[in-house]
């Protein structure tokens, strides 16, 4: 019985390690993509104070806490006359990575 518990704990630990590694990879990828596609308007911290965003006639509001799905929906649809549609520009994994990074800010 003790052996089964030990095996279960080891499996759980390995699963958590794999999840943490995948999450770290997504955050790293998300940061790079955010810096490539988003930082110029939204700024480094998501405050809407990027070099382009601060010069728009309509102020970009700071990021709120949205779910990853809500952020992906925004990336897919863009914002009329302000933010481009990234539906075909970014892959599903890239949009997921950006969403995770935004929620880590």
PDB file of N, CA and C in Angstrom:
ATOM      1  N   UNK A   1       0.820  -1.205   0.000  1.00  0.00           N
ATOM      2  CA  UNK A   1       0.000   0.000   0.000  1.00  0.00           C
ATOM      3  C   UNK A   1       0.859   1.263   0.000  1.00  0.00           C
ATOM      4  N   UNK A   2       1.944   1.238   0.787  1.00  0.00           N
ATOM      5  CA  UNK A   2       2.836   2.396   0.822  1.00  0.00           C
ATOM      6  C   UNK A   2       3.479   2.628  -0.539  1.00  0.00           C
ATOM      7  N   UNK A   3       3.776   1.532  -1.231  1.00  0.00           N
ATOM      8  CA  UNK A   3       4.364   1.650  -2.556  1.00  0.00           C
ATOM      9  C   UNK A   3       3.391   2.316  -3.525  1.00  0.00           C
ATOM     10  N   UNK A   4       2.113   1.957  -3.458  1.00  0.00           N
ATOM     11  CA  UNK A   4       1.106   2.585  -4.304  1.00  0.00           C
ATOM     12  C   UNK A   4       0.985   4.073  -4.024  1.00  0.00           C
ATOM     13  N   UNK A   5       1.006   4.451  -2.759  1.00  0.00           N
ATOM     14  CA  UNK A   5       0.945   5.869  -2.401  1.00  0.00           C
ATOM     15  C   UNK A   5       2.156   6.609  -2.939  1.00  0.00           C
ATOM     16  N   UNK A   6       3.322   6.004  -2.819  1.00  0.00           N
ATOM     17  CA  UNK A   6       4.541   6.629  -3.319  1.00  0.00           C
ATOM     18  C   UNK A   6       4.478   6.805  -4.835  1.00  0.00           C
ATOM     19  N   UNK A   7       4.014   5.776  -5.528  1.00  0.00           N
ATOM     20  CA  UNK A   7       3.884   5.858  -6.982  1.00  0.00           C
ATOM     21  C   UNK A   7       2.892   6.958  -7.361  1.00  0.00           C
ATOM     22  N   UNK A   8       1.772   7.030  -6.663  1.00  0.00           N
ATOM     23  CA  UNK A   8       0.773   8.069  -6.934  1.00  0.00           C
ATOM     24  C   UNK A   8       1.369   9.464  -6.728  1.00  0.00           C
ATOM     25  N   UNK A   9       2.106   9.643  -5.651  1.00  0.00           N
ATOM     26  CA  UNK A   9       2.731  10.944  -5.367  1.00  0.00           C
ATOM     27  C   UNK A   9       3.748  11.290  -6.453  1.00  0.00           C
ATOM     28  N   UNK A  10       4.532  10.326  -6.888  1.00  0.00           N
ATOM     29  CA  UNK A  10       5.518  10.579  -7.945  1.00  0.00           C
ATOM     30  C   UNK A  10       4.840  10.956  -9.258  1.00  0.00           C
ATOM     31  N   UNK A  11       3.770  10.251  -9.595  1.00  0.00           N
ATOM     32  CA  UNK A  11       3.031  10.572 -10.825  1.00  0.00           C
ATOM     33  C   UNK A  11       2.445  11.975 -10.741  1.00  0.00           C
ATOM     34  N   UNK A  12       1.876  12.304  -9.601  1.00  0.00           N
ATOM     35  CA  UNK A  12       1.310  13.633  -9.405  1.00  0.00           C
ATOM     36  C   UNK A  12       2.389  14.706  -9.532  1.00  0.00           C
ATOM     37  N   UNK A  13       3.552  14.465  -8.926  1.00  0.00           N
ATOM     38  CA  UNK A  13       4.658  15.414  -8.999  1.00  0.00           C
ATOM     39  C   UNK A  13       5.117  15.604 -10.441  1.00  0.00           C
ATOM     40  N   UNK A  14       5.243  14.508 -11.185  1.00  0.00           N
ATOM     41  CA  UNK A  14       5.677  14.589 -12.589  1.00  0.00           C
ATOM     42  C   UNK A  14       4.653  15.358 -13.410  1.00  0.00           C
ATOM     43  N   UNK A  15       3.365  15.090 -13.200  1.00  0.00           N
ATOM     44  CA  UNK A  15       2.321  15.817 -13.923  1.00  0.00           C
ATOM     45  C   UNK A  15       2.374  17.313 -13.628  1.00  0.00           C
ATOM     46  N   UNK A  16       2.582  17.674 -12.364  1.00  0.00           N
ATOM     47  CA  UNK A  16       2.674  19.092 -11.994  1.00  0.00           C
ATOM     48  C   UNK A  16       3.890  19.741 -12.628  1.00  0.00           C
ATOM     49  N   UNK A  17       5.004  19.022 -12.697  1.00  0.00           N
ATOM     50  CA  UNK A  17       6.225  19.544 -13.309  1.00  0.00           C
ATOM     51  C   UNK A  17       6.010  19.775 -14.804  1.00  0.00           C
ATOM     52  N   UNK A  18       5.381  18.834 -15.481  1.00  0.00           N
ATOM     53  CA  UNK A  18       5.101  18.977 -16.908  1.00  0.00           C
ATOM     54  C   UNK A  18       4.177  20.169 -17.138  1.00  0.00           C
ATOM     55  N   UNK A  19       3.136  20.307 -16.296  1.00  0.00           N
ATOM     56  CA  UNK A  19       2.214  21.438 -16.414  1.00  0.00           C
ATOM     57  C   UNK A  19       2.954  22.759 -16.202  1.00  0.00           C
ATOM     58  N   UNK A  20       3.824  22.822 -15.188  1.00  0.00           N
ATOM     59  CA  UNK A  20       4.574  24.049 -14.908  1.00  0.00           C
ATOM     60  C   UNK A  20       5.492  24.398 -16.075  1.00  0.00           C
ATOM     61  N   UNK A  21       6.152  23.398 -16.645  1.00  0.00           N
ATOM     62  CA  UNK A  21       7.028  23.646 -17.790  1.00  0.00           C
ATOM     63  C   UNK A  21       6.237  24.175 -18.981  1.00  0.00           C
ATOM     64  N   UNK A  22       5.078  23.575 -19.251  1.00  0.00           N
ATOM     65  CA  UNK A  22       4.233  24.017 -20.369  1.00  0.00           C
ATOM     66  C   UNK A  22       3.754  25.450 -20.127  1.00  0.00           C
ATOM     67  N   UNK A  23       3.370  25.743 -18.887  1.00  0.00           N
ATOM     68  CA  UNK A  23       2.912  27.086 -18.549  1.00  0.00           C
ATOM     69  C   UNK A  23       4.046  28.102 -18.723  1.00  0.00           C
ATOM     70  N   UNK A  24       5.258  27.753 -18.294  1.00  0.00           N
ATOM     71  CA  UNK A  24       6.407  28.647 -18.466  1.00  0.00           C
ATOM     72  C   UNK A  24       6.692  28.898 -19.944  1.00  0.00           C
ATOM     73  N   UNK A  25       6.577  27.850 -20.752  1.00  0.00           N
ATOM     74  CA  UNK A  25       6.799  28.005 -22.197  1.00  0.00           C
ATOM     75  C   UNK A  25       5.755  28.929 -22.812  1.00  0.00           C
ATOM     76  N   UNK A  26       4.495  28.756 -22.409  1.00  0.00           N
ATOM     77  CA  UNK A  26       3.434  29.626 -22.927  1.00  0.00           C
ATOM     78  C   UNK A  26       3.672  31.079 -22.529  1.00  0.00           C
ATOM     79  N   UNK A  27       4.080  31.308 -21.282  1.00  0.00           N
ATOM     80  CA  UNK A  27       4.334  32.685 -20.832  1.00  0.00           C
ATOM     81  C   UNK A  27       5.503  33.308 -21.592  1.00  0.00           C
ATOM     82  N   UNK A  28       6.551  32.541 -21.825  1.00  0.00           N
ATOM     83  CA  UNK A  28       7.702  33.052 -22.579  1.00  0.00           C
ATOM     84  C   UNK A  28       7.306  33.386 -24.005  1.00  0.00           C
ATOM     85  N   UNK A  29       6.562  32.467 -24.633  1.00  0.00           N
ATOM     86  CA  UNK A  29       6.084  32.712 -25.997  1.00  0.00           C
ATOM     87  C   UNK A  29       5.114  33.891 -26.015  1.00  0.00           C
ATOM     88  N   UNK A  30       4.226  33.950 -25.027  1.00  0.00           N
ATOM     89  CA  UNK A  30       3.253  35.037 -24.954  1.00  0.00           C
ATOM     90  C   UNK A  30       3.910  36.396 -24.807  1.00  0.00           C
ATOM     91  N   UNK A  31       4.955  36.468 -23.989  1.00  0.00           N
ATOM     92  CA  UNK A  31       5.664  37.748 -23.808  1.00  0.00           C
ATOM     93  C   UNK A  31       6.292  38.198 -25.122  1.00  0.00           C
ATOM     94  N   UNK A  32       6.931  37.268 -25.827  1.00  0.00           N
ATOM     95  CA  UNK A  32       7.560  37.618 -27.106  1.00  0.00           C
ATOM     96  C   UNK A  32       6.515  38.089 -28.117  1.00  0.00           C
ATOM     97  N   UNK A  33       5.390  37.383 -28.187  1.00  0.00           N
ATOM     98  CA  UNK A  33       4.332  37.775 -29.123  1.00  0.00           C
ATOM     99  C   UNK A  33       3.686  39.095 -28.719  1.00  0.00           C
ATOM    100  N   UNK A  34       3.484  39.285 -27.418  1.00  0.00           N
ATOM    101  CA  UNK A  34       2.925  40.542 -26.915  1.00  0.00           C
ATOM    102  C   UNK A  34       3.842  41.704 -27.311  1.00  0.00           C
ATOM    103  N   UNK A  35       5.155  41.513 -27.124  1.00  0.00           N
ATOM    104  CA  UNK A  35       6.107  42.573 -27.481  1.00  0.00           C
ATOM    105  C   UNK A  35       6.118  42.837 -28.979  1.00  0.00           C
ATOM    106  N   UNK A  36       5.840  41.821 -29.766  1.00  0.00           N
ATOM    107  CA  UNK A  36       5.825  41.980 -31.224  1.00  0.00           C
ATOM    108  C   UNK A  36       4.536  42.623 -31.723  1.00  0.00           C
ATOM    109  N   UNK A  37       3.389  42.258 -31.150  1.00  0.00           N
ATOM    110  CA  UNK A  37       2.104  42.673 -31.715  1.00  0.00           C
ATOM    111  C   UNK A  37       1.319  43.678 -30.865  1.00  0.00           C
ATOM    112  N   UNK A  38       1.582  43.774 -29.576  1.00  0.00           N
ATOM    113  CA  UNK A  38       0.670  44.501 -28.687  1.00  0.00           C
ATOM    114  C   UNK A  38       1.296  45.684 -27.952  1.00  0.00           C
ATOM    115  N   UNK A  39       2.581  45.580 -27.637  1.00  0.00           N
ATOM    116  CA  UNK A  39       3.201  46.555 -26.735  1.00  0.00           C
ATOM    117  C   UNK A  39       3.157  47.979 -27.284  1.00  0.00           C
ATOM    118  N   UNK A  40       3.179  48.134 -28.605  1.00  0.00           N
ATOM    119  CA  UNK A  40       3.205  49.489 -29.169  1.00  0.00           C
ATOM    120  C   UNK A  40       1.945  50.283 -28.847  1.00  0.00           C
ATOM    121  N   UNK A  41       0.837  49.595 -28.640  1.00  0.00           N
ATOM    122  CA  UNK A  41      -0.393  50.299 -28.251  1.00  0.00           C
ATOM    123  C   UNK A  41      -0.691  50.141 -26.761  1.00  0.00           C
ATOM    124  N   UNK A  42      -0.578  48.913 -26.267  1.00  0.00           N
ATOM    125  CA  UNK A  42      -0.991  48.636 -24.888  1.00  0.00           C
ATOM    126  C   UNK A  42       0.089  48.931 -23.851  1.00  0.00           C
ATOM    127  N   UNK A  43       1.336  49.104 -24.278  1.00  0.00           N
ATOM    128  CA  UNK A  43       2.415  49.390 -23.340  1.00  0.00           C
ATOM    129  C   UNK A  43       2.924  48.135 -22.648  1.00  0.00           C
ATOM    130  N   UNK A  44       4.081  48.262 -22.017  1.00  0.00           N
ATOM    131  CA  UNK A  44       4.742  47.112 -21.393  1.00  0.00           C
ATOM    132  C   UNK A  44       3.919  46.501 -20.268  1.00  0.00           C
ATOM    133  N   UNK A  45       3.177  47.312 -19.554  1.00  0.00           N
ATOM    134  CA  UNK A  45       2.407  46.794 -18.415  1.00  0.00           C
ATOM    135  C   UNK A  45       0.919  46.649 -18.724  1.00  0.00           C
ATOM    136  N   UNK A  46       0.522  46.943 -19.953  1.00  0.00           N
ATOM    137  CA  UNK A  46      -0.883  46.826 -20.326  1.00  0.00           C
ATOM    138  C   UNK A  46      -1.724  48.019 -19.923  1.00  0.00           C
ATOM    139  N   UNK A  47      -1.073  49.145 -19.654  1.00  0.00           N
ATOM    140  CA  UNK A  47      -1.786  50.343 -19.201  1.00  0.00           C
ATOM    141  C   UNK A  47      -2.328  51.190 -20.352  1.00  0.00           C
ATOM    142  N   UNK A  48      -2.074  50.770 -21.591  1.00  0.00           N
ATOM    143  CA  UNK A  48      -2.548  51.530 -22.742  1.00  0.00           C
ATOM    144  C   UNK A  48      -1.666  52.714 -23.073  1.00  0.00           C
ATOM    145  N   UNK A  49      -0.432  52.669 -22.594  1.00  0.00           N
ATOM    146  CA  UNK A  49       0.466  53.813 -22.746  1.00  0.00           C
ATOM    147  C   UNK A  49       1.647  53.535 -23.674  1.00  0.00           C
ATOM    148  N   UNK A  50       1.451  52.630 -24.634  1.00  0.00           N
ATOM    149  CA  UNK A  50       2.506  52.380 -25.606  1.00  0.00           C
ATOM    150  C   UNK A  50       2.697  53.589 -26.498  1.00  0.00           C
ATOM    151  N   UNK A  51       3.784  53.645 -27.251  1.00  0.00           N
ATOM    152  CA  UNK A  51       4.065  54.822 -28.087  1.00  0.00           C
ATOM    153  C   UNK A  51       2.973  55.134 -29.098  1.00  0.00           C
ATOM    154  N   UNK A  52       2.314  54.147 -29.630  1.00  0.00           N
ATOM    155  CA  UNK A  52       1.218  54.391 -30.565  1.00  0.00           C
ATOM    156  C   UNK A  52      -0.076  54.642 -29.793  1.00  0.00           C
ATOM    157  N   UNK A  53      -0.332  53.822 -28.790  1.00  0.00           N
ATOM    158  CA  UNK A  53      -1.566  53.924 -28.017  1.00  0.00           C
ATOM    159  C   UNK A  53      -1.747  55.256 -27.328  1.00  0.00           C
ATOM    160  N   UNK A  54      -0.661  55.826 -26.846  1.00  0.00           N
ATOM    161  CA  UNK A  54      -0.781  57.107 -26.147  1.00  0.00           C
ATOM    162  C   UNK A  54      -1.069  58.260 -27.104  1.00  0.00           C
ATOM    163  N   UNK A  55      -0.891  58.042 -28.407  1.00  0.00           N
ATOM    164  CA  UNK A  55      -1.165  59.089 -29.395  1.00  0.00           C
ATOM    165  C   UNK A  55      -2.498  58.917 -30.115  1.00  0.00           C
ATOM    166  N   UNK A  56      -3.273  57.908 -29.733  1.00  0.00           N
ATOM    167  CA  UNK A  56      -4.581  57.717 -30.358  1.00  0.00           C
ATOM    168  C   UNK A  56      -5.579  58.726 -29.805  1.00  0.00           C
ATOM    169  N   UNK A  57      -6.568  59.075 -30.616  1.00  0.00           N
ATOM    170  CA  UNK A  57      -7.572  60.041 -30.162  1.00  0.00           C
ATOM    171  C   UNK A  57      -8.439  59.457 -29.041  1.00  0.00           C
ATOM    172  N   UNK A  58      -8.653  58.150 -29.079  1.00  0.00           N
ATOM    173  CA  UNK A  58      -9.423  57.489 -28.025  1.00  0.00           C
ATOM    174  C   UNK A  58      -8.444  56.735 -27.119  1.00  0.00           C
ATOM    175  N   UNK A  59      -8.436  57.058 -25.844  1.00  0.00           N
ATOM    176  CA  UNK A  59      -7.504  56.437 -24.895  1.00  0.00           C
ATOM    177  C   UNK A  59      -7.780  54.947 -24.764  1.00  0.00           C
ATOM    178  N   UNK A  60      -6.726  54.162 -24.775  1.00  0.00           N
ATOM    179  CA  UNK A  60      -6.845  52.719 -24.576  1.00  0.00           C
ATOM    180  C   UNK A  60      -6.913  52.469 -23.071  1.00  0.00           C
ATOM    181  N   UNK A  61      -7.964  51.824 -22.607  1.00  0.00           N
ATOM    182  CA  UNK A  61      -8.058  51.565 -21.170  1.00  0.00           C
ATOM    183  C   UNK A  61      -7.055  50.499 -20.744  1.00  0.00           C
ATOM    184  N   UNK A  62      -6.629  50.531 -19.484  1.00  0.00           N
ATOM    185  CA  UNK A  62      -5.724  49.476 -18.997  1.00  0.00           C
ATOM    186  C   UNK A  62      -6.429  48.117 -19.052  1.00  0.00           C
ATOM    187  N   UNK A  63      -5.624  47.071 -19.134  1.00  0.00           N
ATOM    188  CA  UNK A  63      -6.194  45.726 -19.138  1.00  0.00           C
ATOM    189  C   UNK A  63      -6.981  45.476 -17.869  1.00  0.00           C
ATOM    190  N   UNK A  64      -8.091  44.793 -18.031  1.00  0.00           N
ATOM    191  CA  UNK A  64      -8.866  44.283 -16.905  1.00  0.00           C
ATOM    192  C   UNK A  64      -8.598  42.795 -16.856  1.00  0.00           C
ATOM    193  N   UNK A  65      -9.050  42.173 -15.806  1.00  0.00           N
ATOM    194  CA  UNK A  65      -8.914  40.722 -15.724  1.00  0.00           C
ATOM    195  C   UNK A  65     -10.006  40.081 -16.571  1.00  0.00           C
ATOM    196  N   UNK A  66      -9.612  39.558 -17.694  1.00  0.00           N
ATOM    197  CA  UNK A  66     -10.500  38.803 -18.559  1.00  0.00           C
ATOM    198  C   UNK A  66     -10.050  37.351 -18.523  1.00  0.00           C
ATOM    199  N   UNK A  67     -10.949  36.462 -18.844  1.00  0.00           N
ATOM    200  CA  UNK A  67     -10.554  35.061 -18.963  1.00  0.00           C
ATOM    201  C   UNK A  67      -9.702  34.919 -20.225  1.00  0.00           C
ATOM    202  N   UNK A  68      -8.952  33.842 -20.288  1.00  0.00           N
ATOM    203  CA  UNK A  68      -8.166  33.588 -21.491  1.00  0.00           C
ATOM    204  C   UNK A  68      -9.073  33.548 -22.722  1.00  0.00           C
ATOM    205  N   UNK A  69     -10.235  32.937 -22.592  1.00  0.00           N
ATOM    206  CA  UNK A  69     -11.177  32.841 -23.710  1.00  0.00           C
ATOM    207  C   UNK A  69     -11.633  34.229 -24.161  1.00  0.00           C
ATOM    208  N   UNK A  70     -11.904  35.125 -23.216  1.00  0.00           N
ATOM    209  CA  UNK A  70     -12.336  36.477 -23.580  1.00  0.00           C
ATOM    210  C   UNK A  70     -11.228  37.213 -24.328  1.00  0.00           C
ATOM    211  N   UNK A  71      -9.991  37.051 -23.885  1.00  0.00           N
ATOM    212  CA  UNK A  71      -8.865  37.702 -24.571  1.00  0.00           C
ATOM    213  C   UNK A  71      -8.712  37.132 -25.970  1.00  0.00           C
ATOM    214  N   UNK A  72      -8.832  35.818 -26.097  1.00  0.00           N
ATOM    215  CA  UNK A  72      -8.732  35.190 -27.418  1.00  0.00           C
ATOM    216  C   UNK A  72      -9.851  35.682 -28.326  1.00  0.00           C
ATOM    217  N   UNK A  73     -11.049  35.836 -27.790  1.00  0.00           N
ATOM    218  CA  UNK A  73     -12.168  36.379 -28.584  1.00  0.00           C
ATOM    219  C   UNK A  73     -11.855  37.794 -29.064  1.00  0.00           C
ATOM    220  N   UNK A  74     -11.256  38.606 -28.212  1.00  0.00           N
ATOM    221  CA  UNK A  74     -10.874  39.972 -28.613  1.00  0.00           C
ATOM    222  C   UNK A  74      -9.808  39.921 -29.699  1.00  0.00           C
ATOM    223  N   UNK A  75      -8.822  39.035 -29.538  1.00  0.00           N
ATOM    224  CA  UNK A  75      -7.779  38.893 -30.564  1.00  0.00           C
ATOM    225  C   UNK A  75      -8.383  38.445 -31.890  1.00  0.00           C
ATOM    226  N   UNK A  76      -9.379  37.585 -31.830  1.00  0.00           N
ATOM    227  CA  UNK A  76     -10.015  37.101 -33.063  1.00  0.00           C
ATOM    228  C   UNK A  76     -10.865  38.166 -33.737  1.00  0.00           C
ATOM    229  N   UNK A  77     -11.452  39.050 -32.959  1.00  0.00           N
ATOM    230  CA  UNK A  77     -12.360  40.040 -33.539  1.00  0.00           C
ATOM    231  C   UNK A  77     -11.779  41.423 -33.702  1.00  0.00           C
ATOM    232  N   UNK A  78     -10.713  41.712 -32.979  1.00  0.00           N
ATOM    233  CA  UNK A  78     -10.163  43.057 -33.019  1.00  0.00           C
ATOM    234  C   UNK A  78     -11.123  44.061 -32.396  1.00  0.00           C
ATOM    235  N   UNK A  79     -10.813  45.312 -32.545  1.00  0.00           N
ATOM    236  CA  UNK A  79     -11.692  46.394 -32.093  1.00  0.00           C
ATOM    237  C   UNK A  79     -11.856  47.347 -33.261  1.00  0.00           C
ATOM    238  N   UNK A  80     -13.067  47.592 -33.634  1.00  0.00           N
ATOM    239  CA  UNK A  80     -13.370  48.381 -34.828  1.00  0.00           C
ATOM    240  C   UNK A  80     -12.586  49.689 -34.863  1.00  0.00           C
ATOM    241  N   UNK A  81     -11.902  49.909 -35.959  1.00  0.00           N
ATOM    242  CA  UNK A  81     -11.138  51.137 -36.242  1.00  0.00           C
ATOM    243  C   UNK A  81      -9.973  51.380 -35.291  1.00  0.00           C
ATOM    244  N   UNK A  82      -9.681  50.430 -34.395  1.00  0.00           N
ATOM    245  CA  UNK A  82      -8.589  50.667 -33.448  1.00  0.00           C
ATOM    246  C   UNK A  82      -7.596  49.508 -33.425  1.00  0.00           C
ATOM    247  N   UNK A  83      -8.102  48.305 -33.197  1.00  0.00           N
ATOM    248  CA  UNK A  83      -7.229  47.139 -33.032  1.00  0.00           C
ATOM    249  C   UNK A  83      -7.457  46.159 -34.177  1.00  0.00           C
ATOM    250  N   UNK A  84      -6.361  45.676 -34.774  1.00  0.00           N
ATOM    251  CA  UNK A  84      -6.529  44.725 -35.875  1.00  0.00           C
ATOM    252  C   UNK A  84      -7.081  43.383 -35.399  1.00  0.00           C
ATOM    253  N   UNK A  85      -7.615  42.652 -36.329  1.00  0.00           N
ATOM    254  CA  UNK A  85      -8.123  41.301 -36.123  1.00  0.00           C
ATOM    255  C   UNK A  85      -6.943  40.340 -36.311  1.00  0.00           C
ATOM    256  N   UNK A  86      -6.668  39.525 -35.301  1.00  0.00           N
ATOM    257  CA  UNK A  86      -5.544  38.591 -35.379  1.00  0.00           C
ATOM    258  C   UNK A  86      -6.004  37.162 -35.673  1.00  0.00           C
ATOM    259  N   UNK A  87      -7.225  37.020 -36.146  1.00  0.00           N
ATOM    260  CA  UNK A  87      -7.798  35.689 -36.400  1.00  0.00           C
ATOM    261  C   UNK A  87      -6.894  34.832 -37.272  1.00  0.00           C
ATOM    262  N   UNK A  88      -6.383  35.393 -38.360  1.00  0.00           N
ATOM    263  CA  UNK A  88      -5.548  34.613 -39.273  1.00  0.00           C
ATOM    264  C   UNK A  88      -4.060  34.909 -39.118  1.00  0.00           C
ATOM    265  N   UNK A  89      -3.725  35.956 -38.377  1.00  0.00           N
ATOM    266  CA  UNK A  89      -2.324  36.325 -38.192  1.00  0.00           C
ATOM    267  C   UNK A  89      -1.642  35.430 -37.168  1.00  0.00           C
ATOM    268  N   UNK A  90      -2.377  35.056 -36.125  1.00  0.00           N
ATOM    269  CA  UNK A  90      -1.816  34.252 -35.037  1.00  0.00           C
ATOM    270  C   UNK A  90      -2.503  32.888 -34.982  1.00  0.00           C
ATOM    271  N   UNK A  91      -1.734  31.878 -34.596  1.00  0.00           N
ATOM    272  CA  UNK A  91      -2.305  30.542 -34.416  1.00  0.00           C
ATOM    273  C   UNK A  91      -3.071  30.496 -33.094  1.00  0.00           C
ATOM    274  N   UNK A  92      -3.845  29.446 -32.920  1.00  0.00           N
ATOM    275  CA  UNK A  92      -4.596  29.268 -31.666  1.00  0.00           C
ATOM    276  C   UNK A  92      -3.641  29.202 -30.469  1.00  0.00           C
ATOM    277  N   UNK A  93      -2.519  28.497 -30.629  1.00  0.00           N
ATOM    278  CA  UNK A  93      -1.551  28.405 -29.533  1.00  0.00           C
ATOM    279  C   UNK A  93      -0.936  29.771 -29.234  1.00  0.00           C
ATOM    280  N   UNK A  94      -0.645  30.553 -30.253  1.00  0.00           N
ATOM    281  CA  UNK A  94      -0.074  31.882 -30.040  1.00  0.00           C
ATOM    282  C   UNK A  94      -1.057  32.787 -29.298  1.00  0.00           C
ATOM    283  N   UNK A  95      -2.331  32.718 -29.665  1.00  0.00           N
ATOM    284  CA  UNK A  95      -3.351  33.531 -28.975  1.00  0.00           C
ATOM    285  C   UNK A  95      -3.497  33.082 -27.523  1.00  0.00           C
ATOM    286  N   UNK A  96      -3.434  31.775 -27.289  1.00  0.00           N
ATOM    287  CA  UNK A  96      -3.481  31.265 -25.915  1.00  0.00           C
ATOM    288  C   UNK A  96      -2.284  31.780 -25.115  1.00  0.00           C
ATOM    289  N   UNK A  97      -1.117  31.789 -25.737  1.00  0.00           N
ATOM    290  CA  UNK A  97       0.095  32.263 -25.066  1.00  0.00           C
ATOM    291  C   UNK A  97      -0.023  33.749 -24.715  1.00  0.00           C
ATOM    292  N   UNK A  98      -0.522  34.553 -25.635  1.00  0.00           N
ATOM    293  CA  UNK A  98      -0.709  35.981 -25.364  1.00  0.00           C
ATOM    294  C   UNK A  98      -1.711  36.177 -24.231  1.00  0.00           C
ATOM    295  N   UNK A  99      -2.799  35.428 -24.256  1.00  0.00           N
ATOM    296  CA  UNK A  99      -3.810  35.549 -23.196  1.00  0.00           C
ATOM    297  C   UNK A  99      -3.217  35.212 -21.833  1.00  0.00           C
ATOM    298  N   UNK A 100      -2.441  34.144 -21.761  1.00  0.00           N
ATOM    299  CA  UNK A 100      -1.813  33.767 -20.489  1.00  0.00           C
ATOM    300  C   UNK A 100      -0.838  34.856 -20.033  1.00  0.00           C
ATOM    301  N   UNK A 101      -0.075  35.416 -20.984  1.00  0.00           N
ATOM    302  CA  UNK A 101       0.869  36.468 -20.618  1.00  0.00           C
ATOM    303  C   UNK A 101       0.137  37.711 -20.118  1.00  0.00           C
ATOM    304  N   UNK A 102      -0.898  38.123 -20.820  1.00  0.00           N
ATOM    305  CA  UNK A 102      -1.669  39.302 -20.395  1.00  0.00           C
ATOM    306  C   UNK A 102      -2.206  39.097 -18.988  1.00  0.00           C
ATOM    307  N   UNK A 103      -2.713  37.910 -18.706  1.00  0.00           N
ATOM    308  CA  UNK A 103      -3.247  37.661 -17.370  1.00  0.00           C
ATOM    309  C   UNK A 103      -2.167  37.530 -16.304  1.00  0.00           C
ATOM    310  N   UNK A 104      -0.905  37.441 -16.729  1.00  0.00           N
ATOM    311  CA  UNK A 104       0.195  37.397 -15.762  1.00  0.00           C
ATOM    312  C   UNK A 104       0.713  38.802 -15.424  1.00  0.00           C
ATOM    313  N   UNK A 105       0.295  39.811 -16.200  1.00  0.00           N
ATOM    314  CA  UNK A 105       0.788  41.174 -15.963  1.00  0.00           C
ATOM    315  C   UNK A 105       0.272  41.724 -14.646  1.00  0.00           C
TER     316      UNK A 105
END
